[in-house]
Amino acid sequence: MCIFCKIVNGEIPSNMVLESEEFIAFHDINPTAPIHVLVIPKEHIDSFHQAKGDLMAKMTPFIQDVATKLGLDKSGYRLVTNIGVDGGQEVKHLHFHILGGGKLIWKHFIKNDPHKNI
């Protein structure tokens, strides 16, 4: 069982932001922004690539509600999901990062010319 499934089952505590019948949102334990929250489906799905459209149709308003609750709906935020090893996915359970609370930059582009990899 993955770490996010253990959070869903209550086996591991989390700093919960919002919960519905199908999704939960909680603060990341290793934040990379002033506000860094993870949104996951309670059902185990490996990644976005395996997600069905009906799940995403339900998840979208939940993510928007989380962003509003965090006060990010007016100032802006970044929504990210990583897919697979090369995409940087560390936990094999679909999750979205909501990042905000300040001006965000793409740190990985500081060292590299983004046009070299296109």
Protein backbone atom coordinates (compact mmCIF):
# COMPACT_ATOMS: atom_id res chain seq x y z
CA MET A 1 0.00 0.00 0.00
CA CYS A 2 1.41 3.43 -0.94
CA ILE A 3 1.93 6.27 1.52
CA PHE A 4 -1.05 8.24 0.13
CA CYS A 5 -3.36 5.25 0.53
CA LYS A 6 -2.18 5.04 4.16
CA ILE A 7 -3.11 8.73 4.58
CA VAL A 8 -6.54 8.05 3.05
CA ASN A 9 -7.01 5.10 5.46
CA GLY A 10 -5.99 7.20 8.46
CA GLU A 11 -2.87 5.12 9.12
CA ILE A 12 -0.61 8.16 8.66
CA PRO A 13 -1.64 11.59 9.95
CA SER A 14 -1.78 14.58 7.61
CA ASN A 15 -2.39 18.29 7.92
CA MET A 16 -5.74 18.21 6.12
CA VAL A 17 -7.02 21.22 4.19
CA LEU A 18 -10.21 19.80 2.69
CA GLU A 19 -11.90 16.43 2.29
CA SER A 20 -14.80 15.14 0.21
CA GLU A 21 -16.21 11.70 -0.40
CA GLU A 22 -13.72 11.13 -3.24
CA PHE A 23 -10.72 13.44 -2.61
CA ILE A 24 -8.48 14.84 0.08
CA ALA A 25 -6.13 17.81 0.18
CA PHE A 26 -3.33 18.14 2.71
CA HIS A 27 -0.15 20.15 3.25
CA ASP A 28 3.01 18.69 1.75
CA ILE A 29 5.52 17.65 4.44
CA ASN A 30 8.38 18.95 2.27
CA PRO A 31 7.03 22.22 0.82
CA THR A 32 8.72 23.97 -2.09
CA ALA A 33 6.54 27.09 -1.92
CA PRO A 34 5.02 29.17 0.90
CA ILE A 35 1.80 27.22 0.30
CA HIS A 36 2.23 23.66 -0.97
CA VAL A 37 -0.77 21.36 -0.80
CA LEU A 38 -1.31 17.94 -2.36
CA VAL A 39 -4.67 16.87 -3.75
CA ILE A 40 -5.30 13.15 -4.24
CA PRO A 41 -8.19 10.89 -5.08
CA LYS A 42 -9.06 8.46 -2.30
CA GLU A 43 -9.10 5.69 -4.89
CA HIS A 44 -5.61 4.51 -5.80
CA ILE A 45 -4.74 5.52 -9.36
CA ASP A 46 -1.07 5.32 -10.35
CA SER A 47 -0.82 8.60 -12.24
CA PHE A 48 -2.61 11.15 -14.40
CA HIS A 49 -1.95 8.92 -17.41
CA GLN A 50 -4.32 6.29 -15.94
CA ALA A 51 -6.97 8.80 -14.80
CA LYS A 52 -10.36 8.69 -16.47
CA GLY A 53 -12.15 11.80 -17.68
CA ASP A 54 -15.02 11.44 -15.23
CA LEU A 55 -12.60 11.42 -12.31
CA MET A 56 -10.90 14.58 -13.57
CA ALA A 57 -14.31 16.22 -14.11
CA LYS A 58 -15.00 15.71 -10.39
CA MET A 59 -11.47 16.54 -9.26
CA THR A 60 -11.33 19.90 -11.05
CA PRO A 61 -13.94 21.69 -8.88
CA PHE A 62 -12.43 20.10 -5.76
CA ILE A 63 -9.00 21.53 -6.63
CA GLN A 64 -10.61 24.91 -7.31
CA ASP A 65 -12.34 24.78 -3.90
CA VAL A 66 -9.00 24.01 -2.22
CA ALA A 67 -7.32 26.94 -3.98
CA THR A 68 -10.16 29.24 -2.90
CA LYS A 69 -10.00 27.99 0.70
CA LEU A 70 -6.25 28.71 0.70
CA GLY A 71 -6.90 32.22 -0.66
CA LEU A 72 -5.02 31.52 -3.89
CA ASP A 73 -7.92 32.07 -6.28
CA LYS A 74 -7.23 35.81 -6.51
CA SER A 75 -3.41 35.93 -6.41
CA GLY A 76 -2.77 32.84 -8.52
CA TYR A 77 -1.16 29.47 -8.09
CA ARG A 78 0.58 26.70 -9.96
CA LEU A 79 -1.02 23.28 -10.42
CA VAL A 80 1.40 20.45 -11.20
CA THR A 81 1.26 16.70 -11.56
CA ASN A 82 4.29 14.57 -12.31
CA ILE A 83 3.92 11.40 -14.34
CA GLY A 84 6.37 8.51 -14.18
CA VAL A 85 10.03 8.39 -13.29
CA ASP A 86 11.22 10.79 -15.99
CA GLY A 87 8.42 13.20 -15.08
CA GLY A 88 9.62 13.32 -11.47
CA GLN A 89 6.78 11.34 -9.88
CA GLU A 90 7.97 10.20 -6.45
CA VAL A 91 4.76 8.59 -5.14
CA LYS A 92 2.94 6.28 -7.52
CA HIS A 93 -0.54 7.62 -6.67
CA LEU A 94 -2.18 10.37 -8.70
CA HIS A 95 -1.60 13.69 -6.97
CA PHE A 96 -1.62 17.34 -7.86
CA HIS A 97 0.59 19.93 -6.21
CA ILE A 98 -1.04 23.30 -5.54
CA LEU A 99 1.78 25.82 -5.14
CA GLY A 100 1.30 29.45 -4.21
CA GLY A 101 1.64 32.11 -1.61
CA GLY A 102 4.20 34.16 -3.52
CA LYS A 103 5.73 34.78 -6.93
CA LEU A 104 6.77 31.39 -8.30
CA ILE A 105 9.70 30.83 -10.65
CA TRP A 106 10.79 27.82 -12.65
CA LYS A 107 14.02 27.01 -10.79
CA HIS A 108 15.06 24.29 -13.21
CA PHE A 109 15.19 26.88 -16.01
CA ILE A 110 17.63 29.12 -14.15
CA LYS A 111 20.55 26.75 -14.83
CA ASN A 112 19.42 25.57 -18.25
CA ASP A 113 18.29 27.25 -21.42
CA PRO A 114 14.70 25.99 -21.76
CA HIS A 115 14.96 26.14 -25.55
CA LYS A 116 17.82 23.59 -25.68
CA ASN A 117 15.50 20.76 -24.67
CA ILE A 118 12.64 21.55 -27.04
